[in-house]
Amino acid sequence: MSNKVEKPWGSYENLMDEEYGKVKRIIIKPGESPSYQYHHKRSEVWAILTGLAKIKIDGKVTCHNPGEIVIIPKEHKHQIENIGDDDLIFVEVQVGEYFGEDDIVRVEDKYGRV
């Protein structure tokens, strides 16, 4: 199952979509970021592959390099931003009871999707 989905901040591709979990390859363009959001029905684990990431979880900001892992528990607000000059690529592993895109609750979004 490989279907690239274009977004204003970059793109993602579903690598695996099963009832027990979902895996995405996500690319964020330099200077871009998805919305500050949370999920009611899943947690996420991010593995940074390339680029430099600034990650905000519940208001706390940290920076991450390739090879680092970030865990986002269910219902915690989170956002990743590409602070480098090249594409930020990471793998997102979703674990929980539901993995639909309609479980995204946007808190802030620079593209007007709140």
PDB file of N, CA and C in Angstrom:
ATOM      1  N   MET A   1       0.849  -1.185   0.000  1.00  0.00           N
ATOM      2  CA  MET A   1       0.000   0.000   0.000  1.00  0.00           C
ATOM      3  C   MET A   1       0.889   1.241   0.000  1.00  0.00           C
ATOM      4  N   SER A   2       1.007   1.879  -1.121  1.00  0.00           N
ATOM      5  CA  SER A   2       1.876   3.040  -1.223  1.00  0.00           C
ATOM      6  C   SER A   2       1.156   4.121  -2.014  1.00  0.00           C
ATOM      7  N   ASN A   3       0.675   5.137  -1.308  1.00  0.00           N
ATOM      8  CA  ASN A   3      -0.047   6.221  -1.973  1.00  0.00           C
ATOM      9  C   ASN A   3       0.402   7.549  -1.376  1.00  0.00           C
ATOM     10  N   LYS A   4       1.057   8.357  -2.181  1.00  0.00           N
ATOM     11  CA  LYS A   4       1.587   9.634  -1.728  1.00  0.00           C
ATOM     12  C   LYS A   4       0.461  10.654  -1.648  1.00  0.00           C
ATOM     13  N   VAL A   5       0.391  11.345  -0.512  1.00  0.00           N
ATOM     14  CA  VAL A   5      -0.614  12.376  -0.293  1.00  0.00           C
ATOM     15  C   VAL A   5       0.117  13.707  -0.149  1.00  0.00           C
ATOM     16  N   GLU A   6      -0.191  14.644  -1.038  1.00  0.00           N
ATOM     17  CA  GLU A   6       0.437  15.974  -0.996  1.00  0.00           C
ATOM     18  C   GLU A   6      -0.288  16.856   0.018  1.00  0.00           C
ATOM     19  N   LYS A   7       0.487  17.622   0.789  1.00  0.00           N
ATOM     20  CA  LYS A   7      -0.036  18.560   1.776  1.00  0.00           C
ATOM     21  C   LYS A   7       0.655  19.901   1.572  1.00  0.00           C
ATOM     22  N   PRO A   8       0.125  20.991   2.135  1.00  0.00           N
ATOM     23  CA  PRO A   8       0.790  22.298   1.947  1.00  0.00           C
ATOM     24  C   PRO A   8       2.187  22.339   2.552  1.00  0.00           C
ATOM     25  N   TRP A   9       2.478  21.513   3.534  1.00  0.00           N
ATOM     26  CA  TRP A   9       3.775  21.476   4.218  1.00  0.00           C
ATOM     27  C   TRP A   9       4.727  20.443   3.639  1.00  0.00           C
ATOM     28  N   GLY A  10       4.248  19.563   2.757  1.00  0.00           N
ATOM     29  CA  GLY A  10       5.082  18.499   2.191  1.00  0.00           C
ATOM     30  C   GLY A  10       4.226  17.346   1.711  1.00  0.00           C
ATOM     31  N   SER A  11       4.525  16.118   2.174  1.00  0.00           N
ATOM     32  CA  SER A  11       3.743  14.959   1.745  1.00  0.00           C
ATOM     33  C   SER A  11       3.924  13.805   2.725  1.00  0.00           C
ATOM     34  N   TYR A  12       3.032  12.811   2.594  1.00  0.00           N
ATOM     35  CA  TYR A  12       3.220  11.577   3.344  1.00  0.00           C
ATOM     36  C   TYR A  12       2.792  10.403   2.489  1.00  0.00           C
ATOM     37  N   GLU A  13       3.286   9.248   2.873  1.00  0.00           N
ATOM     38  CA  GLU A  13       3.015   8.014   2.151  1.00  0.00           C
ATOM     39  C   GLU A  13       2.729   6.934   3.187  1.00  0.00           C
ATOM     40  N   ASN A  14       1.604   6.232   3.033  1.00  0.00           N
ATOM     41  CA  ASN A  14       1.289   5.123   3.932  1.00  0.00           C
ATOM     42  C   ASN A  14       2.127   3.911   3.538  1.00  0.00           C
ATOM     43  N   LEU A  15       2.928   3.422   4.471  1.00  0.00           N
ATOM     44  CA  LEU A  15       3.760   2.249   4.232  1.00  0.00           C
ATOM     45  C   LEU A  15       3.074   0.975   4.729  1.00  0.00           C
ATOM     46  N   MET A  16       2.229   1.127   5.751  1.00  0.00           N
ATOM     47  CA  MET A  16       1.500  -0.003   6.304  1.00  0.00           C
ATOM     48  C   MET A  16       0.229   0.534   6.952  1.00  0.00           C
ATOM     49  N   ASP A  17      -0.875  -0.157   6.760  1.00  0.00           N
ATOM     50  CA  ASP A  17      -2.142   0.241   7.367  1.00  0.00           C
ATOM     51  C   ASP A  17      -2.897  -1.024   7.759  1.00  0.00           C
ATOM     52  N   GLU A  18      -2.802  -1.386   9.035  1.00  0.00           N
ATOM     53  CA  GLU A  18      -3.433  -2.597   9.563  1.00  0.00           C
ATOM     54  C   GLU A  18      -4.330  -2.208  10.728  1.00  0.00           C
ATOM     55  N   GLU A  19      -5.139  -3.146  11.204  1.00  0.00           N
ATOM     56  CA  GLU A  19      -6.032  -2.845  12.322  1.00  0.00           C
ATOM     57  C   GLU A  19      -5.275  -2.588  13.624  1.00  0.00           C
ATOM     58  N   TYR A  20      -4.043  -3.057  13.741  1.00  0.00           N
ATOM     59  CA  TYR A  20      -3.247  -2.892  14.953  1.00  0.00           C
ATOM     60  C   TYR A  20      -2.257  -1.735  14.882  1.00  0.00           C
ATOM     61  N   GLY A  21      -2.112  -1.086  13.724  1.00  0.00           N
ATOM     62  CA  GLY A  21      -1.175   0.022  13.607  1.00  0.00           C
ATOM     63  C   GLY A  21      -1.057   0.546  12.191  1.00  0.00           C
ATOM     64  N   LYS A  22      -0.432   1.707  12.081  1.00  0.00           N
ATOM     65  CA  LYS A  22      -0.226   2.349  10.781  1.00  0.00           C
ATOM     66  C   LYS A  22       1.181   2.938  10.772  1.00  0.00           C
ATOM     67  N   VAL A  23       1.849   2.884   9.609  1.00  0.00           N
ATOM     68  CA  VAL A  23       3.189   3.443   9.463  1.00  0.00           C
ATOM     69  C   VAL A  23       3.196   4.375   8.254  1.00  0.00           C
ATOM     70  N   LYS A  24       3.721   5.593   8.458  1.00  0.00           N
ATOM     71  CA  LYS A  24       3.809   6.592   7.388  1.00  0.00           C
ATOM     72  C   LYS A  24       5.253   7.060   7.229  1.00  0.00           C
ATOM     73  N   ARG A  25       5.612   7.359   5.995  1.00  0.00           N
ATOM     74  CA  ARG A  25       6.861   8.071   5.698  1.00  0.00           C
ATOM     75  C   ARG A  25       6.437   9.503   5.414  1.00  0.00           C
ATOM     76  N   ILE A  26       6.948  10.463   6.187  1.00  0.00           N
ATOM     77  CA  ILE A  26       6.510  11.857   6.092  1.00  0.00           C
ATOM     78  C   ILE A  26       7.680  12.737   5.678  1.00  0.00           C
ATOM     79  N   ILE A  27       7.428  13.625   4.717  1.00  0.00           N
ATOM     80  CA  ILE A  27       8.430  14.582   4.245  1.00  0.00           C
ATOM     81  C   ILE A  27       7.896  15.990   4.501  1.00  0.00           C
ATOM     82  N   ILE A  28       8.699  16.793   5.203  1.00  0.00           N
ATOM     83  CA  ILE A  28       8.318  18.177   5.471  1.00  0.00           C
ATOM     84  C   ILE A  28       9.340  19.091   4.812  1.00  0.00           C
ATOM     85  N   LYS A  29       8.831  20.018   4.017  1.00  0.00           N
ATOM     86  CA  LYS A  29       9.691  20.957   3.299  1.00  0.00           C
ATOM     87  C   LYS A  29      10.352  21.938   4.271  1.00  0.00           C
ATOM     88  N   PRO A  30      11.523  22.477   3.893  1.00  0.00           N
ATOM     89  CA  PRO A  30      12.214  23.436   4.759  1.00  0.00           C
ATOM     90  C   PRO A  30      11.299  24.596   5.173  1.00  0.00           C
ATOM     91  N   GLY A  31      11.314  24.917   6.463  1.00  0.00           N
ATOM     92  CA  GLY A  31      10.521  26.024   6.988  1.00  0.00           C
ATOM     93  C   GLY A  31       9.052  25.713   7.207  1.00  0.00           C
ATOM     94  N   GLU A  32       8.629  24.504   6.927  1.00  0.00           N
ATOM     95  CA  GLU A  32       7.210  24.161   7.015  1.00  0.00           C
ATOM     96  C   GLU A  32       6.920  23.291   8.235  1.00  0.00           C
ATOM     97  N   SER A  33       5.624  23.188   8.560  1.00  0.00           N
ATOM     98  CA  SER A  33       5.190  22.350   9.679  1.00  0.00           C
ATOM     99  C   SER A  33       3.700  22.040   9.549  1.00  0.00           C
ATOM    100  N   PRO A  34       3.316  20.816   9.887  1.00  0.00           N
ATOM    101  CA  PRO A  34       1.886  20.503   9.983  1.00  0.00           C
ATOM    102  C   PRO A  34       1.288  21.243  11.180  1.00  0.00           C
ATOM    103  N   SER A  35       0.010  21.082  11.409  1.00  0.00           N
ATOM    104  CA  SER A  35      -0.666  21.778  12.498  1.00  0.00           C
ATOM    105  C   SER A  35      -0.214  21.280  13.870  1.00  0.00           C
ATOM    106  N   TYR A  36      -0.436  22.135  14.864  1.00  0.00           N
ATOM    107  CA  TYR A  36      -0.281  21.741  16.272  1.00  0.00           C
ATOM    108  C   TYR A  36      -1.569  20.992  16.591  1.00  0.00           C
ATOM    109  N   GLN A  37      -1.475  19.713  16.934  1.00  0.00           N
ATOM    110  CA  GLN A  37      -2.642  18.840  16.956  1.00  0.00           C
ATOM    111  C   GLN A  37      -2.518  17.769  18.031  1.00  0.00           C
ATOM    112  N   TYR A  38      -3.618  17.023  18.201  1.00  0.00           N
ATOM    113  CA  TYR A  38      -3.592  15.844  19.060  1.00  0.00           C
ATOM    114  C   TYR A  38      -4.601  14.831  18.540  1.00  0.00           C
ATOM    115  N   HIS A  39      -4.560  13.636  19.122  1.00  0.00           N
ATOM    116  CA  HIS A  39      -5.430  12.537  18.691  1.00  0.00           C
ATOM    117  C   HIS A  39      -6.076  11.894  19.917  1.00  0.00           C
ATOM    118  N   HIS A  40      -7.340  11.536  19.805  1.00  0.00           N
ATOM    119  CA  HIS A  40      -8.062  10.883  20.889  1.00  0.00           C
ATOM    120  C   HIS A  40      -7.798   9.381  20.940  1.00  0.00           C
ATOM    121  N   LYS A  41      -7.488   8.778  19.786  1.00  0.00           N
ATOM    122  CA  LYS A  41      -7.492   7.316  19.702  1.00  0.00           C
ATOM    123  C   LYS A  41      -6.156   6.677  19.347  1.00  0.00           C
ATOM    124  N   ARG A  42      -5.076   7.459  19.304  1.00  0.00           N
ATOM    125  CA  ARG A  42      -3.779   6.860  18.975  1.00  0.00           C
ATOM    126  C   ARG A  42      -2.627   7.644  19.579  1.00  0.00           C
ATOM    127  N   SER A  43      -1.525   6.934  19.784  1.00  0.00           N
ATOM    128  CA  SER A  43      -0.246   7.549  20.123  1.00  0.00           C
ATOM    129  C   SER A  43       0.656   7.397  18.905  1.00  0.00           C
ATOM    130  N   GLU A  44       1.776   8.123  18.895  1.00  0.00           N
ATOM    131  CA  GLU A  44       2.682   8.076  17.752  1.00  0.00           C
ATOM    132  C   GLU A  44       4.126   7.984  18.226  1.00  0.00           C
ATOM    133  N   VAL A  45       4.945   7.337  17.406  1.00  0.00           N
ATOM    134  CA  VAL A  45       6.389   7.298  17.607  1.00  0.00           C
ATOM    135  C   VAL A  45       7.015   7.820  16.320  1.00  0.00           C
ATOM    136  N   TRP A  46       7.871   8.825  16.432  1.00  0.00           N
ATOM    137  CA  TRP A  46       8.541   9.406  15.269  1.00  0.00           C
ATOM    138  C   TRP A  46      10.014   9.029  15.293  1.00  0.00           C
ATOM    139  N   ALA A  47      10.520   8.539  14.169  1.00  0.00           N
ATOM    140  CA  ALA A  47      11.944   8.255  13.998  1.00  0.00           C
ATOM    141  C   ALA A  47      12.474   9.206  12.928  1.00  0.00           C
ATOM    142  N   ILE A  48      13.345  10.121  13.328  1.00  0.00           N
ATOM    143  CA  ILE A  48      13.892  11.119  12.400  1.00  0.00           C
ATOM    144  C   ILE A  48      14.946  10.438  11.527  1.00  0.00           C
ATOM    145  N   LEU A  49      14.784  10.553  10.207  1.00  0.00           N
ATOM    146  CA  LEU A  49      15.714   9.920   9.262  1.00  0.00           C
ATOM    147  C   LEU A  49      16.702  10.918   8.667  1.00  0.00           C
ATOM    148  N   THR A  50      16.200  12.060   8.184  1.00  0.00           N
ATOM    149  CA  THR A  50      17.073  13.109   7.630  1.00  0.00           C
ATOM    150  C   THR A  50      16.521  14.468   8.032  1.00  0.00           C
ATOM    151  N   GLY A  51      17.398  15.444   8.119  1.00  0.00           N
ATOM    152  CA  GLY A  51      16.972  16.809   8.407  1.00  0.00           C
ATOM    153  C   GLY A  51      17.019  17.146   9.885  1.00  0.00           C
ATOM    154  N   LEU A  52      16.609  18.374  10.176  1.00  0.00           N
ATOM    155  CA  LEU A  52      16.597  18.886  11.545  1.00  0.00           C
ATOM    156  C   LEU A  52      15.159  19.212  11.936  1.00  0.00           C
ATOM    157  N   ALA A  53      14.737  18.674  13.076  1.00  0.00           N
ATOM    158  CA  ALA A  53      13.354  18.836  13.510  1.00  0.00           C
ATOM    159  C   ALA A  53      13.259  19.632  14.797  1.00  0.00           C
ATOM    160  N   LYS A  54      12.322  20.578  14.819  1.00  0.00           N
ATOM    161  CA  LYS A  54      11.931  21.240  16.066  1.00  0.00           C
ATOM    162  C   LYS A  54      10.559  20.657  16.411  1.00  0.00           C
ATOM    163  N   ILE A  55      10.453  20.073  17.602  1.00  0.00           N
ATOM    164  CA  ILE A  55       9.230  19.383  17.987  1.00  0.00           C
ATOM    165  C   ILE A  55       8.658  20.016  19.247  1.00  0.00           C
ATOM    166  N   LYS A  56       7.370  20.346  19.185  1.00  0.00           N
ATOM    167  CA  LYS A  56       6.656  20.906  20.334  1.00  0.00           C
ATOM    168  C   LYS A  56       5.658  19.863  20.822  1.00  0.00           C
ATOM    169  N   ILE A  57       5.758  19.485  22.098  1.00  0.00           N
ATOM    170  CA  ILE A  57       4.805  18.572  22.725  1.00  0.00           C
ATOM    171  C   ILE A  57       4.278  19.259  23.979  1.00  0.00           C
ATOM    172  N   ASP A  58       2.975  19.545  23.973  1.00  0.00           N
ATOM    173  CA  ASP A  58       2.324  20.232  25.095  1.00  0.00           C
ATOM    174  C   ASP A  58       3.067  21.507  25.490  1.00  0.00           C
ATOM    175  N   GLY A  59       3.517  22.258  24.481  1.00  0.00           N
ATOM    176  CA  GLY A  59       4.169  23.542  24.713  1.00  0.00           C
ATOM    177  C   GLY A  59       5.668  23.481  24.936  1.00  0.00           C
ATOM    178  N   LYS A  60       6.229  22.289  25.193  1.00  0.00           N
ATOM    179  CA  LYS A  60       7.678  22.148  25.403  1.00  0.00           C
ATOM    180  C   LYS A  60       8.351  21.887  24.060  1.00  0.00           C
ATOM    181  N   VAL A  61       9.368  22.683  23.730  1.00  0.00           N
ATOM    182  CA  VAL A  61      10.051  22.594  22.434  1.00  0.00           C
ATOM    183  C   VAL A  61      11.426  21.947  22.601  1.00  0.00           C
ATOM    184  N   THR A  62      11.725  20.976  21.729  1.00  0.00           N
ATOM    185  CA  THR A  62      13.034  20.332  21.689  1.00  0.00           C
ATOM    186  C   THR A  62      13.466  20.217  20.229  1.00  0.00           C
ATOM    187  N   CYS A  63      14.771  20.072  19.994  1.00  0.00           N
ATOM    188  CA  CYS A  63      15.297  19.886  18.645  1.00  0.00           C
ATOM    189  C   CYS A  63      15.851  18.476  18.513  1.00  0.00           C
ATOM    190  N   HIS A  64      15.716  17.912  17.289  1.00  0.00           N
ATOM    191  CA  HIS A  64      16.097  16.519  17.078  1.00  0.00           C
ATOM    192  C   HIS A  64      16.826  16.341  15.754  1.00  0.00           C
ATOM    193  N   ASN A  65      17.771  15.398  15.757  1.00  0.00           N
ATOM    194  CA  ASN A  65      18.607  15.077  14.609  1.00  0.00           C
ATOM    195  C   ASN A  65      18.277  13.679  14.091  1.00  0.00           C
ATOM    196  N   PRO A  66      18.805  13.330  12.913  1.00  0.00           N
ATOM    197  CA  PRO A  66      18.611  11.971  12.397  1.00  0.00           C
ATOM    198  C   PRO A  66      19.049  10.920  13.408  1.00  0.00           C
ATOM    199  N   GLY A  67      18.263   9.867  13.498  1.00  0.00           N
ATOM    200  CA  GLY A  67      18.543   8.778  14.418  1.00  0.00           C
ATOM    201  C   GLY A  67      17.834   8.899  15.750  1.00  0.00           C
ATOM    202  N   GLU A  68      17.218  10.040  16.003  1.00  0.00           N
ATOM    203  CA  GLU A  68      16.523  10.224  17.270  1.00  0.00           C
ATOM    204  C   GLU A  68      15.059   9.801  17.166  1.00  0.00           C
ATOM    205  N   ILE A  69      14.525   9.352  18.300  1.00  0.00           N
ATOM    206  CA  ILE A  69      13.156   8.850  18.389  1.00  0.00           C
ATOM    207  C   ILE A  69      12.365   9.750  19.334  1.00  0.00           C
ATOM    208  N   VAL A  70      11.127  10.061  18.965  1.00  0.00           N
ATOM    209  CA  VAL A  70      10.251  10.884  19.799  1.00  0.00           C
ATOM    210  C   VAL A  70       8.942  10.124  19.997  1.00  0.00           C
ATOM    211  N   ILE A  71       8.479  10.056  21.240  1.00  0.00           N
ATOM    212  CA  ILE A  71       7.223   9.371  21.552  1.00  0.00           C
ATOM    213  C   ILE A  71       6.172  10.410  21.917  1.00  0.00           C
ATOM    214  N   ILE A  72       5.008  10.339  21.256  1.00  0.00           N
ATOM    215  CA  ILE A  72       3.908  11.251  21.517  1.00  0.00           C
ATOM    216  C   ILE A  72       2.722  10.448  22.042  1.00  0.00           C
ATOM    217  N   PRO A  73       2.447  10.530  23.343  1.00  0.00           N
ATOM    218  CA  PRO A  73       1.310   9.792  23.896  1.00  0.00           C
ATOM    219  C   PRO A  73      -0.029  10.328  23.371  1.00  0.00           C
ATOM    220  N   LYS A  74      -1.014   9.472  23.399  1.00  0.00           N
ATOM    221  CA  LYS A  74      -2.376   9.833  22.994  1.00  0.00           C
ATOM    222  C   LYS A  74      -2.840  11.065  23.766  1.00  0.00           C
ATOM    223  N   GLU A  75      -3.518  11.979  23.060  1.00  0.00           N
ATOM    224  CA  GLU A  75      -4.117  13.204  23.595  1.00  0.00           C
ATOM    225  C   GLU A  75      -3.103  14.272  24.006  1.00  0.00           C
ATOM    226  N   HIS A  76      -1.831  14.095  23.658  1.00  0.00           N
ATOM    227  CA  HIS A  76      -0.839  15.144  23.899  1.00  0.00           C
ATOM    228  C   HIS A  76      -0.703  15.985  22.633  1.00  0.00           C
ATOM    229  N   LYS A  77      -0.750  17.293  22.787  1.00  0.00           N
ATOM    230  CA  LYS A  77      -0.624  18.200  21.644  1.00  0.00           C
ATOM    231  C   LYS A  77       0.798  18.121  21.112  1.00  0.00           C
ATOM    232  N   HIS A  78       0.934  18.087  19.775  1.00  0.00           N
ATOM    233  CA  HIS A  78       2.264  17.940  19.186  1.00  0.00           C
ATOM    234  C   HIS A  78       2.345  18.603  17.809  1.00  0.00           C
ATOM    235  N   GLN A  79       3.567  19.000  17.462  1.00  0.00           N
ATOM    236  CA  GLN A  79       3.846  19.613  16.161  1.00  0.00           C
ATOM    237  C   GLN A  79       5.323  19.416  15.848  1.00  0.00           C
ATOM    238  N   ILE A  80       5.605  19.134  14.603  1.00  0.00           N
ATOM    239  CA  ILE A  80       6.987  19.019  14.137  1.00  0.00           C
ATOM    240  C   ILE A  80       7.223  20.088  13.085  1.00  0.00           C
ATOM    241  N   GLU A  81       8.409  20.696  13.097  1.00  0.00           N
ATOM    242  CA  GLU A  81       8.760  21.742  12.134  1.00  0.00           C
ATOM    243  C   GLU A  81      10.131  21.451  11.559  1.00  0.00           C
ATOM    244  N   ASN A  82      10.278  21.654  10.264  1.00  0.00           N
ATOM    245  CA  ASN A  82      11.572  21.498   9.604  1.00  0.00           C
ATOM    246  C   ASN A  82      12.350  22.793   9.772  1.00  0.00           C
ATOM    247  N   ILE A  83      13.425  22.752  10.569  1.00  0.00           N
ATOM    248  CA  ILE A  83      14.238  23.950  10.797  1.00  0.00           C
ATOM    249  C   ILE A  83      15.550  23.904  10.009  1.00  0.00           C
ATOM    250  N   GLY A  84      15.670  22.927   9.110  1.00  0.00           N
ATOM    251  CA  GLY A  84      16.872  22.806   8.294  1.00  0.00           C
ATOM    252  C   GLY A  84      16.668  23.358   6.894  1.00  0.00           C
ATOM    253  N   ASP A  85      17.704  23.209   6.066  1.00  0.00           N
ATOM    254  CA  ASP A  85      17.664  23.696   4.681  1.00  0.00           C
ATOM    255  C   ASP A  85      17.234  22.618   3.694  1.00  0.00           C
ATOM    256  N   ASP A  86      17.173  21.373   4.138  1.00  0.00           N
ATOM    257  CA  ASP A  86      16.784  20.255   3.284  1.00  0.00           C
ATOM    258  C   ASP A  86      15.490  19.638   3.811  1.00  0.00           C
ATOM    259  N   ASP A  87      14.919  18.735   3.034  1.00  0.00           N
ATOM    260  CA  ASP A  87      13.707  18.053   3.480  1.00  0.00           C
ATOM    261  C   ASP A  87      13.948  17.325   4.795  1.00  0.00           C
ATOM    262  N   LEU A  88      12.948  17.389   5.670  1.00  0.00           N
ATOM    263  CA  LEU A  88      12.920  16.605   6.907  1.00  0.00           C
ATOM    264  C   LEU A  88      12.117  15.347   6.594  1.00  0.00           C
ATOM    265  N   ILE A  89      12.731  14.195   6.790  1.00  0.00           N
ATOM    266  CA  ILE A  89      12.054  12.924   6.529  1.00  0.00           C
ATOM    267  C   ILE A  89      12.038  12.117   7.820  1.00  0.00           C
ATOM    268  N   PHE A  90      10.845  11.640   8.177  1.00  0.00           N
ATOM    269  CA  PHE A  90      10.738  10.783   9.354  1.00  0.00           C
ATOM    270  C   PHE A  90       9.674   9.723   9.129  1.00  0.00           C
ATOM    271  N   VAL A  91       9.764   8.675   9.933  1.00  0.00           N
ATOM    272  CA  VAL A  91       8.776   7.603   9.906  1.00  0.00           C
ATOM    273  C   VAL A  91       7.905   7.763  11.138  1.00  0.00           C
ATOM    274  N   GLU A  92       6.594   7.706  10.920  1.00  0.00           N
ATOM    275  CA  GLU A  92       5.630   7.808  12.005  1.00  0.00           C
ATOM    276  C   GLU A  92       4.945   6.455  12.188  1.00  0.00           C
ATOM    277  N   VAL A  93       5.027   5.923  13.401  1.00  0.00           N
ATOM    278  CA  VAL A  93       4.346   4.675  13.738  1.00  0.00           C
ATOM    279  C   VAL A  93       3.179   5.027  14.652  1.00  0.00           C
ATOM    280  N   GLN A  94       1.977   4.682  14.215  1.00  0.00           N
ATOM    281  CA  GLN A  94       0.772   4.965  14.997  1.00  0.00           C
ATOM    282  C   GLN A  94       0.299   3.681  15.670  1.00  0.00           C
ATOM    283  N   VAL A  95      -0.002   3.787  16.976  1.00  0.00           N
ATOM    284  CA  VAL A  95      -0.486   2.651  17.747  1.00  0.00           C
ATOM    285  C   VAL A  95      -1.718   3.104  18.516  1.00  0.00           C
ATOM    286  N   GLY A  96      -2.759   2.285  18.503  1.00  0.00           N
ATOM    287  CA  GLY A  96      -3.969   2.651  19.231  1.00  0.00           C
ATOM    288  C   GLY A  96      -5.160   1.870  18.729  1.00  0.00           C
ATOM    289  N   GLU A  97      -6.323   2.510  18.806  1.00  0.00           N
ATOM    290  CA  GLU A  97      -7.555   1.824  18.421  1.00  0.00           C
ATOM    291  C   GLU A  97      -8.142   2.292  17.096  1.00  0.00           C
ATOM    292  N   TYR A  98      -7.643   3.431  16.562  1.00  0.00           N
ATOM    293  CA  TYR A  98      -8.185   3.970  15.313  1.00  0.00           C
ATOM    294  C   TYR A  98      -7.149   4.888  14.685  1.00  0.00           C
ATOM    295  N   PHE A  99      -7.012   4.831  13.336  1.00  0.00           N
ATOM    296  CA  PHE A  99      -5.926   5.549  12.663  1.00  0.00           C
ATOM    297  C   PHE A  99      -6.402   6.467  11.540  1.00  0.00           C
ATOM    298  N   GLY A 100      -7.673   6.783  11.501  1.00  0.00           N
ATOM    299  CA  GLY A 100      -8.210   7.652  10.452  1.00  0.00           C
ATOM    300  C   GLY A 100      -7.752   9.087  10.589  1.00  0.00           C
ATOM    301  N   GLU A 101      -7.703   9.788   9.456  1.00  0.00           N
ATOM    302  CA  GLU A 101      -7.292  11.196   9.444  1.00  0.00           C
ATOM    303  C   GLU A 101      -8.309  12.081  10.181  1.00  0.00           C
ATOM    304  N   ASP A 102      -9.531  11.584  10.388  1.00  0.00           N
ATOM    305  CA  ASP A 102     -10.537  12.373  11.101  1.00  0.00           C
ATOM    306  C   ASP A 102     -10.331  12.350  12.622  1.00  0.00           C
ATOM    307  N   ASP A 103      -9.264  11.691  13.104  1.00  0.00           N
ATOM    308  CA  ASP A 103      -8.913  11.739  14.522  1.00  0.00           C
ATOM    309  C   ASP A 103      -7.836  12.797  14.774  1.00  0.00           C
ATOM    310  N   ILE A 104      -7.682  13.720  13.847  1.00  0.00           N
ATOM    311  CA  ILE A 104      -6.763  14.853  14.029  1.00  0.00           C
ATOM    312  C   ILE A 104      -7.571  16.018  14.579  1.00  0.00           C
ATOM    313  N   VAL A 105      -7.191  16.488  15.772  1.00  0.00           N
ATOM    314  CA  VAL A 105      -7.808  17.671  16.358  1.00  0.00           C
ATOM    315  C   VAL A 105      -6.780  18.785  16.275  1.00  0.00           C
ATOM    316  N   ARG A 106      -7.016  19.744  15.385  1.00  0.00           N
ATOM    317  CA  ARG A 106      -6.054  20.832  15.179  1.00  0.00           C
ATOM    318  C   ARG A 106      -6.275  21.944  16.198  1.00  0.00           C
ATOM    319  N   VAL A 107      -5.182  22.353  16.851  1.00  0.00           N
ATOM    320  CA  VAL A 107      -5.217  23.431  17.833  1.00  0.00           C
ATOM    321  C   VAL A 107      -4.785  24.743  17.174  1.00  0.00           C
ATOM    322  N   GLU A 108      -3.714  24.675  16.379  1.00  0.00           N
ATOM    323  CA  GLU A 108      -3.192  25.818  15.607  1.00  0.00           C
ATOM    324  C   GLU A 108      -2.780  25.306  14.242  1.00  0.00           C
ATOM    325  N   ASP A 109      -2.979  26.142  13.212  1.00  0.00           N
ATOM    326  CA  ASP A 109      -2.594  25.725  11.861  1.00  0.00           C
ATOM    327  C   ASP A 109      -2.371  26.952  10.994  1.00  0.00           C
ATOM    328  N   LYS A 110      -1.179  27.077  10.423  1.00  0.00           N
ATOM    329  CA  LYS A 110      -0.860  28.250   9.609  1.00  0.00           C
ATOM    330  C   LYS A 110      -1.508  28.200   8.224  1.00  0.00           C
ATOM    331  N   TYR A 111      -2.175  27.082   7.912  1.00  0.00           N
ATOM    332  CA  TYR A 111      -2.845  26.959   6.616  1.00  0.00           C
ATOM    333  C   TYR A 111      -4.357  27.128   6.735  1.00  0.00           C
ATOM    334  N   GLY A 112      -4.844  27.592   7.891  1.00  0.00           N
ATOM    335  CA  GLY A 112      -6.269  27.878   8.069  1.00  0.00           C
ATOM    336  C   GLY A 112      -7.164  26.661   8.167  1.00  0.00           C
ATOM    337  N   ARG A 113      -6.647  25.536   8.664  1.00  0.00           N
ATOM    338  CA  ARG A 113      -7.450  24.314   8.735  1.00  0.00           C
ATOM    339  C   ARG A 113      -8.007  24.022  10.127  1.00  0.00           C
ATOM    340  N   VAL A 114      -7.935  24.984  11.054  1.00  0.00           N
ATOM    341  CA  VAL A 114      -8.454  24.758  12.421  1.00  0.00           C
ATOM    342  C   VAL A 114      -9.963  24.838  12.399  1.00  0.00           C
TER     343      VAL A 114
END
